[in-house]
Amino acid sequence: MTALVLCQRLAHSALSGALQGSRWAFPIIETIHLLALAVFGGALLAFTLHLMGLVLPQRHPGDVLRELKPVLLGGLSALLASGLLLFASGPLPYYGNAAFRIKLALIVCGTTLGLCTWWAARREPASGPASATLKVSATLKILAVLTAMLWLGAGIAGRMIGLL
């Protein structure tokens, strides 16, 4: 079954009909989506800034990540759930939208690279005394910046969906 056939079936589903028939469903879901983006993006930015040595430089990346984990996972879960509902509200226009396809690719790449960053941060060796600034490997810094850039790109592509 092709992606187009799946989109056509979804477009004729009860869920899609209910979302399209509601005056408030789309704006409420979009608001939740944007709030989730702010929560997830803020936590991702905080972690990236930490790895760059600009926020909590004495803390081990694994410790900071452990504290941010509920915010990152909660924000990502809310983003994905609300995004799926937004998609279900009109799958056929999204299917043909180039910005939507770019956004999906960036989300997949950003999530994959984010998981690699997460894994690497948990295994980053401790260096120096606890009061000193912790040295983070260049590889981990690059992974973090690339992850943040991919997610920023996904947000920009999401904004472009309505313009194309």
Foldseek 3Di string as FASTA:
>chain_A
DDPLVVLVVLCPDPLLVVCLPDPCNLVVLVVLLVVLLVQQLVLLVQLLCCLVCNPPQLDQSLVSCVVCVVSNVVSVVSNVVSVVSNCSNRVPLLVPFPLSVLLVVLVVVLVVLVVVLNVVSNVFDFDDDSPDGTHHDPVSSVSSVSSSVSSVSSVVSVVCSVVD
